[in-house]
Each structure stands twice: as C-alpha cells, then as structure tokens.
Amino acid sequence: MRALQINSSIFSSGGQSSQLADQFVAALRASEPDTHIVVRDLADNPLPHLDAQRVLAFFAKPDMRTPEQQAFVDESNALIAEIQHAQVIVFGLPMYNFGIPSTLKAYFDQIARAGVTFRYTANGPEGLLTGKKAYIFAARGGLYAGTPLDSQTGYVRDFLAFLGITDVEFIYAEGLNMGETVKETALVQAKQRLAELAV
C-alpha cells in the first residue's frame, strides 16, 4: 500500500494534528508492514501561494512555456504525482481562525489542475483522483464540529470530492484549549478511533 501524509500544523511534528496523523500512519505500517509512506510537512517545506505567474504557467501550452513557467509546472507536477500514486491520504489538520492553514490552501491550489487532477465535462467537473481513501485528523482548540463555525469540514470534503476523492473520514480532537481534562479526553477518543481505523 502507498500512503501520503500531509501535515499542515505551523508547529510541524509538534502539532497535535501532526501527532495524531503520525500515530495513525504508524498504526497503518504496523498493520501492513509493506506500506510505503511519503510525508510532506508544509511547515518545514512551505509552498508558494498561487499567483498570476503560476496560473499563466499552468494554462500555457507545454511547448510555449518559458523556463520559469516550466519550473512552476514541474513543482506542481511533483506534488500531483505524490497524490496520484497514493492509495491512502492522511491529513493533519489544525484549525486556525476558523479555517484551514494557509499552507494547506497553497497545497490545494498547486494540485487542483484542470486536465490533470480534474476535468470539465458537459455534465460539470469530474475529479480524476479516484479510488483513494482520505483520513483527516482535525485538531481544534474549541468545539466546532457540527456547528456553523466549522468551515473546515465542508470545504475540505468538497475540495477533495472535486478531485475525485469521495471516501473521506474525519477524526476530530476538539476542545484542546478548554482545560487539561477536556484535552486529554479528546485525545484519548481520537487515538481510540484512529486505532480502529488502522486495522
């Protein structure tokens, strides 16, 4: 099995979402020792945010690209190749100011490429990254799941579905800033859930 782990905490491996993702991937490897894991840490290796130059590079015909444009496309292609080859995608997802980290948004913008990871058809857009399973380890300081303030869940689910990834499991660890008792309970429950899912 091939798995891609994407950590988006600003604290890198020290973030609670990263630690949960790490533990899940370790459990996957224990269950299936032949699992090949690729880890992309967006704090250690942040990606450039989308700008006009990159958009123009993506849409330019291959034989008309400048060397700079080709470098932009090559960077995007490398990210896309990682997720294309993965059967399982694991996200460590903290909540910052009610949204996803800007580094994760930059990653999403790099892999959403018309004609590569999705295409437009007469019936609307069609995702091309099918046959994959995604696990989202969402760590939050407060309690947001199922409330109007949870802008993450719908957005991430919709974005992945747009690319063809519709088998998505969210594992929440909430209330992490609401005292040690609430924090410990939330982490224990999340760890129990990840252990169940990794079997």
C-alpha atoms as a PDB file:
ATOM      1  CA  MET A   1       0.000   0.000   0.000  1.00  0.00           C
ATOM      2  CA  ARG A   2       1.156   3.555  -0.717  1.00  0.00           C
ATOM      3  CA  ALA A   3       0.209   6.377   1.633  1.00  0.00           C
ATOM      4  CA  LEU A   4       0.748  10.130   1.554  1.00  0.00           C
ATOM      5  CA  GLN A   5       0.784  12.060   4.833  1.00  0.00           C
ATOM      6  CA  ILE A   6       0.332  15.829   4.712  1.00  0.00           C
ATOM      7  CA  ASN A   7       0.945  17.773   7.929  1.00  0.00           C
ATOM      8  CA  SER A   8      -0.198  21.388   7.954  1.00  0.00           C
ATOM      9  CA  SER A   9       0.432  22.470  11.550  1.00  0.00           C
ATOM     10  CA  ILE A  10       2.651  25.535  11.935  1.00  0.00           C
ATOM     11  CA  PHE A  11       4.350  23.557  14.706  1.00  0.00           C
ATOM     12  CA  SER A  12       5.368  20.821  12.257  1.00  0.00           C
ATOM     13  CA  SER A  13       5.645  17.447  14.008  1.00  0.00           C
ATOM     14  CA  GLY A  14       4.912  19.133  17.350  1.00  0.00           C
ATOM     15  CA  GLY A  15       1.308  19.954  16.442  1.00  0.00           C
ATOM     16  CA  GLN A  16      -1.484  17.804  17.853  1.00  0.00           C
ATOM     17  CA  SER A  17      -2.909  17.149  14.379  1.00  0.00           C
ATOM     18  CA  SER A  18       0.533  16.052  13.138  1.00  0.00           C
ATOM     19  CA  GLN A  19       0.995  13.750  16.108  1.00  0.00           C
ATOM     20  CA  LEU A  20      -2.370  12.103  15.509  1.00  0.00           C
ATOM     21  CA  ALA A  21      -1.543  11.678  11.818  1.00  0.00           C
ATOM     22  CA  ASP A  22       1.857  10.239  12.779  1.00  0.00           C
ATOM     23  CA  GLN A  23       0.259   7.734  15.127  1.00  0.00           C
ATOM     24  CA  PHE A  24      -2.266   6.689  12.510  1.00  0.00           C
ATOM     25  CA  VAL A  25       0.432   6.167   9.883  1.00  0.00           C
ATOM     26  CA  ALA A  26       2.493   4.171  12.393  1.00  0.00           C
ATOM     27  CA  ALA A  27      -0.560   2.007  13.085  1.00  0.00           C
ATOM     28  CA  LEU A  28      -1.087   1.537   9.343  1.00  0.00           C
ATOM     29  CA  ARG A  29       2.504   0.408   8.955  1.00  0.00           C
ATOM     30  CA  ALA A  30       2.151  -1.969  11.890  1.00  0.00           C
ATOM     31  CA  SER A  31      -0.972  -3.450  10.291  1.00  0.00           C
ATOM     32  CA  GLU A  32       0.592  -3.575   6.812  1.00  0.00           C
ATOM     33  CA  PRO A  33       4.420  -3.598   7.117  1.00  0.00           C
ATOM     34  CA  ASP A  34       4.902  -3.185   3.363  1.00  0.00           C
ATOM     35  CA  THR A  35       3.151   0.198   3.386  1.00  0.00           C
ATOM     36  CA  HIS A  36       5.226   2.888   1.675  1.00  0.00           C
ATOM     37  CA  ILE A  37       4.801   6.295   3.309  1.00  0.00           C
ATOM     38  CA  VAL A  38       5.579   9.702   1.814  1.00  0.00           C
ATOM     39  CA  VAL A  39       5.413  12.557   4.336  1.00  0.00           C
ATOM     40  CA  ARG A  40       5.013  16.173   3.273  1.00  0.00           C
ATOM     41  CA  ASP A  41       5.310  18.710   6.082  1.00  0.00           C
ATOM     42  CA  LEU A  42       4.017  22.087   4.962  1.00  0.00           C
ATOM     43  CA  ALA A  43       5.697  23.902   7.868  1.00  0.00           C
ATOM     44  CA  ASP A  44       9.151  22.518   7.110  1.00  0.00           C
ATOM     45  CA  ASN A  45       8.664  22.872   3.352  1.00  0.00           C
ATOM     46  CA  PRO A  46       6.032  25.565   2.696  1.00  0.00           C
ATOM     47  CA  LEU A  47       4.757  26.006  -0.822  1.00  0.00           C
ATOM     48  CA  PRO A  48       4.354  29.320  -2.633  1.00  0.00           C
ATOM     49  CA  HIS A  49       0.859  30.731  -2.726  1.00  0.00           C
ATOM     50  CA  LEU A  50      -0.903  30.884  -6.044  1.00  0.00           C
ATOM     51  CA  ASP A  51      -0.148  33.990  -8.079  1.00  0.00           C
ATOM     52  CA  ALA A  52      -0.703  35.213 -11.617  1.00  0.00           C
ATOM     53  CA  GLN A  53       2.619  33.865 -12.869  1.00  0.00           C
ATOM     54  CA  ARG A  54       1.803  30.332 -11.721  1.00  0.00           C
ATOM     55  CA  VAL A  55      -1.711  30.395 -13.143  1.00  0.00           C
ATOM     56  CA  LEU A  56      -0.365  31.545 -16.503  1.00  0.00           C
ATOM     57  CA  ALA A  57       2.239  28.771 -16.386  1.00  0.00           C
ATOM     58  CA  PHE A  58      -0.408  26.134 -15.699  1.00  0.00           C
ATOM     59  CA  PHE A  59      -2.509  27.253 -18.642  1.00  0.00           C
ATOM     60  CA  ALA A  60       0.329  27.836 -21.120  1.00  0.00           C
ATOM     61  CA  LYS A  61       0.816  25.250 -23.827  1.00  0.00           C
ATOM     62  CA  PRO A  62       3.767  22.990 -22.949  1.00  0.00           C
ATOM     63  CA  ASP A  63       5.797  23.999 -25.998  1.00  0.00           C
ATOM     64  CA  MET A  64       5.186  27.696 -25.286  1.00  0.00           C
ATOM     65  CA  ARG A  65       6.291  27.784 -21.628  1.00  0.00           C
ATOM     66  CA  THR A  66       9.292  29.793 -20.562  1.00  0.00           C
ATOM     67  CA  PRO A  67      11.924  28.067 -18.372  1.00  0.00           C
ATOM     68  CA  GLU A  68      10.476  29.863 -15.340  1.00  0.00           C
ATOM     69  CA  GLN A  69       6.956  28.706 -16.202  1.00  0.00           C
ATOM     70  CA  GLN A  70       8.175  25.142 -16.678  1.00  0.00           C
ATOM     71  CA  ALA A  71       9.783  25.249 -13.232  1.00  0.00           C
ATOM     72  CA  PHE A  72       6.403  26.256 -11.739  1.00  0.00           C
ATOM     73  CA  VAL A  73       4.682  23.403 -13.570  1.00  0.00           C
ATOM     74  CA  ASP A  74       7.368  20.904 -12.550  1.00  0.00           C
ATOM     75  CA  GLU A  75       6.840  21.813  -8.887  1.00  0.00           C
ATOM     76  CA  SER A  76       3.098  21.293  -9.223  1.00  0.00           C
ATOM     77  CA  ASN A  77       3.570  18.060 -11.170  1.00  0.00           C
ATOM     78  CA  ALA A  78       5.763  16.612  -8.422  1.00  0.00           C
ATOM     79  CA  LEU A  79       3.056  17.288  -5.822  1.00  0.00           C
ATOM     80  CA  ILE A  80       0.399  15.804  -8.072  1.00  0.00           C
ATOM     81  CA  ALA A  81       2.480  12.684  -8.700  1.00  0.00           C
ATOM     82  CA  GLU A  82       2.657  12.086  -4.940  1.00  0.00           C
ATOM     83  CA  ILE A  83      -1.103  12.122  -4.515  1.00  0.00           C
ATOM     84  CA  GLN A  84      -1.745  10.231  -7.764  1.00  0.00           C
ATOM     85  CA  HIS A  85       0.392   7.326  -6.575  1.00  0.00           C
ATOM     86  CA  ALA A  86      -1.089   7.250  -3.062  1.00  0.00           C
ATOM     87  CA  GLN A  87      -3.952   4.929  -2.225  1.00  0.00           C
ATOM     88  CA  VAL A  88      -4.371   6.470   1.222  1.00  0.00           C
ATOM     89  CA  ILE A  89      -4.006  10.171   2.066  1.00  0.00           C
ATOM     90  CA  VAL A  90      -3.642  11.276   5.680  1.00  0.00           C
ATOM     91  CA  PHE A  91      -4.059  14.934   6.624  1.00  0.00           C
ATOM     92  CA  GLY A  92      -3.015  16.521   9.884  1.00  0.00           C
ATOM     93  CA  LEU A  93      -5.407  19.491  10.009  1.00  0.00           C
ATOM     94  CA  PRO A  94      -5.368  22.140  12.742  1.00  0.00           C
ATOM     95  CA  MET A  95      -7.927  24.942  12.795  1.00  0.00           C
ATOM     96  CA  TYR A  96      -6.583  28.490  12.594  1.00  0.00           C
ATOM     97  CA  ASN A  97      -9.038  31.370  12.906  1.00  0.00           C
ATOM     98  CA  PHE A  98     -11.959  29.127  11.851  1.00  0.00           C
ATOM     99  CA  GLY A  99     -10.245  27.958   8.670  1.00  0.00           C
ATOM    100  CA  ILE A 100      -7.567  25.689   7.251  1.00  0.00           C
ATOM    101  CA  PRO A 101      -3.891  26.730   7.445  1.00  0.00           C
ATOM    102  CA  SER A 102      -2.841  28.954   4.552  1.00  0.00           C
ATOM    103  CA  THR A 103      -0.065  26.475   3.764  1.00  0.00           C
ATOM    104  CA  LEU A 104      -2.663  23.786   3.111  1.00  0.00           C
ATOM    105  CA  LYS A 105      -4.620  26.156   0.878  1.00  0.00           C
ATOM    106  CA  ALA A 106      -1.398  26.765  -1.066  1.00  0.00           C
ATOM    107  CA  TYR A 107      -1.001  22.994  -1.424  1.00  0.00           C
ATOM    108  CA  PHE A 108      -4.580  22.588  -2.628  1.00  0.00           C
ATOM    109  CA  ASP A 109      -4.062  25.356  -5.191  1.00  0.00           C
ATOM    110  CA  GLN A 110      -0.967  23.580  -6.523  1.00  0.00           C
ATOM    111  CA  ILE A 111      -2.709  20.240  -7.054  1.00  0.00           C
ATOM    112  CA  ALA A 112      -6.022  21.491  -8.488  1.00  0.00           C
ATOM    113  CA  ARG A 113      -5.105  21.454 -12.181  1.00  0.00           C
ATOM    114  CA  ALA A 114      -7.655  21.327 -14.970  1.00  0.00           C
ATOM    115  CA  GLY A 115      -6.971  18.395 -17.261  1.00  0.00           C
ATOM    116  CA  VAL A 116      -4.653  16.794 -14.696  1.00  0.00           C
ATOM    117  CA  THR A 117      -6.498  16.230 -11.419  1.00  0.00           C
ATOM    118  CA  PHE A 118      -9.955  17.220 -12.675  1.00  0.00           C
ATOM    119  CA  ARG A 119     -11.608  17.988 -15.976  1.00  0.00           C
ATOM    120  CA  TYR A 120     -14.643  19.856 -17.178  1.00  0.00           C
ATOM    121  CA  THR A 121     -17.324  17.853 -18.967  1.00  0.00           C
ATOM    122  CA  ALA A 122     -20.767  18.541 -20.402  1.00  0.00           C
ATOM    123  CA  ASN A 123     -22.153  17.397 -17.048  1.00  0.00           C
ATOM    124  CA  GLY A 124     -19.840  19.567 -14.969  1.00  0.00           C
ATOM    125  CA  PRO A 125     -16.421  18.992 -13.395  1.00  0.00           C
ATOM    126  CA  GLU A 126     -15.148  15.440 -12.953  1.00  0.00           C
ATOM    127  CA  GLY A 127     -12.417  14.507 -10.468  1.00  0.00           C
ATOM    128  CA  LEU A 128      -9.572  12.356 -11.758  1.00  0.00           C
ATOM    129  CA  LEU A 129      -8.051  11.233  -8.438  1.00  0.00           C
ATOM    130  CA  THR A 130     -10.480   8.383  -7.862  1.00  0.00           C
ATOM    131  CA  GLY A 131     -10.122   5.173  -5.889  1.00  0.00           C
ATOM    132  CA  LYS A 132      -8.450   6.754  -2.852  1.00  0.00           C
ATOM    133  CA  LYS A 133      -9.244   6.937   0.849  1.00  0.00           C
ATOM    134  CA  ALA A 134      -8.570  10.095   2.877  1.00  0.00           C
ATOM    135  CA  TYR A 135      -8.305  10.419   6.644  1.00  0.00           C
ATOM    136  CA  ILE A 136      -8.486  13.908   8.169  1.00  0.00           C
ATOM    137  CA  PHE A 137      -7.177  14.382  11.709  1.00  0.00           C
ATOM    138  CA  ALA A 138      -8.766  17.677  12.721  1.00  0.00           C
ATOM    139  CA  ALA A 139      -7.439  19.259  15.906  1.00  0.00           C
ATOM    140  CA  ARG A 140      -9.290  22.263  17.318  1.00  0.00           C
ATOM    141  CA  GLY A 141      -8.967  24.396  20.426  1.00  0.00           C
ATOM    142  CA  GLY A 142     -12.728  24.709  20.813  1.00  0.00           C
ATOM    143  CA  LEU A 143     -15.831  22.706  19.961  1.00  0.00           C
ATOM    144  CA  TYR A 144     -16.851  23.289  16.349  1.00  0.00           C
ATOM    145  CA  ALA A 145     -17.850  20.007  14.679  1.00  0.00           C
ATOM    146  CA  GLY A 146     -21.462  20.117  13.561  1.00  0.00           C
ATOM    147  CA  THR A 147     -21.789  23.864  14.148  1.00  0.00           C
ATOM    148  CA  PRO A 148     -21.914  26.776  11.665  1.00  0.00           C
ATOM    149  CA  LEU A 149     -18.400  27.758  12.800  1.00  0.00           C
ATOM    150  CA  ASP A 150     -16.901  24.593  11.337  1.00  0.00           C
ATOM    151  CA  SER A 151     -15.916  25.917   7.940  1.00  0.00           C
ATOM    152  CA  GLN A 152     -13.176  23.302   7.576  1.00  0.00           C
ATOM    153  CA  THR A 153     -15.118  20.077   7.236  1.00  0.00           C
ATOM    154  CA  GLY A 154     -17.361  21.100   4.344  1.00  0.00           C
ATOM    155  CA  TYR A 155     -14.575  22.879   2.489  1.00  0.00           C
ATOM    156  CA  VAL A 156     -12.057  20.040   2.716  1.00  0.00           C
ATOM    157  CA  ARG A 157     -14.673  17.416   1.883  1.00  0.00           C
ATOM    158  CA  ASP A 158     -15.897  19.443  -1.127  1.00  0.00           C
ATOM    159  CA  PHE A 159     -12.384  20.135  -2.388  1.00  0.00           C
ATOM    160  CA  LEU A 160     -11.336  16.506  -2.214  1.00  0.00           C
ATOM    161  CA  ALA A 161     -14.585  15.413  -3.888  1.00  0.00           C
ATOM    162  CA  PHE A 162     -13.896  17.919  -6.662  1.00  0.00           C
ATOM    163  CA  LEU A 163     -10.672  15.995  -7.348  1.00  0.00           C
ATOM    164  CA  GLY A 164     -12.476  12.636  -7.183  1.00  0.00           C
ATOM    165  CA  ILE A 165     -11.639  11.685  -3.579  1.00  0.00           C
ATOM    166  CA  THR A 166     -15.031  10.979  -2.043  1.00  0.00           C
ATOM    167  CA  ASP A 167     -14.156   8.334   0.576  1.00  0.00           C
ATOM    168  CA  VAL A 168     -13.208  10.714   3.390  1.00  0.00           C
ATOM    169  CA  GLU A 169     -13.111  10.059   7.140  1.00  0.00           C
ATOM    170  CA  PHE A 170     -12.850  12.902   9.668  1.00  0.00           C
ATOM    171  CA  ILE A 171     -11.401  12.204  13.114  1.00  0.00           C
ATOM    172  CA  TYR A 172     -11.825  15.148  15.483  1.00  0.00           C
ATOM    173  CA  ALA A 173      -9.851  16.120  18.553  1.00  0.00           C
ATOM    174  CA  GLU A 174     -11.710  19.152  19.894  1.00  0.00           C
ATOM    175  CA  GLY A 175     -11.620  21.320  22.987  1.00  0.00           C
ATOM    176  CA  LEU A 176      -7.837  21.124  23.215  1.00  0.00           C
ATOM    177  CA  ASN A 177      -7.667  24.623  24.750  1.00  0.00           C
ATOM    178  CA  MET A 178     -10.530  24.055  27.175  1.00  0.00           C
ATOM    179  CA  GLY A 179      -8.541  22.626  30.058  1.00  0.00           C
ATOM    180  CA  GLU A 180      -6.456  19.515  30.599  1.00  0.00           C
ATOM    181  CA  THR A 181      -9.385  17.213  31.339  1.00  0.00           C
ATOM    182  CA  VAL A 182     -11.228  18.088  28.116  1.00  0.00           C
ATOM    183  CA  LYS A 183      -7.981  17.932  26.151  1.00  0.00           C
ATOM    184  CA  GLU A 184      -6.958  14.521  27.453  1.00  0.00           C
ATOM    185  CA  THR A 185     -10.433  13.085  26.882  1.00  0.00           C
ATOM    186  CA  ALA A 186     -10.486  14.376  23.304  1.00  0.00           C
ATOM    187  CA  LEU A 187      -7.045  12.972  22.520  1.00  0.00           C
ATOM    188  CA  VAL A 188      -7.844   9.591  24.032  1.00  0.00           C
ATOM    189  CA  GLN A 189     -11.024   9.354  21.971  1.00  0.00           C
ATOM    190  CA  ALA A 190      -9.215  10.382  18.776  1.00  0.00           C
ATOM    191  CA  LYS A 191      -6.468   7.824  19.406  1.00  0.00           C
ATOM    192  CA  GLN A 192      -9.023   5.106  20.009  1.00  0.00           C
ATOM    193  CA  ARG A 193     -10.753   5.978  16.751  1.00  0.00           C
ATOM    194  CA  LEU A 194      -7.509   6.027  14.743  1.00  0.00           C
ATOM    195  CA  ALA A 195      -6.542   2.634  16.162  1.00  0.00           C
ATOM    196  CA  GLU A 196      -9.885   1.238  14.987  1.00  0.00           C
ATOM    197  CA  LEU A 197      -9.496   2.713  11.522  1.00  0.00           C
ATOM    198  CA  ALA A 198      -5.932   1.479  11.039  1.00  0.00           C
ATOM    199  CA  VAL A 199      -6.860  -2.192  11.418  1.00  0.00           C
END
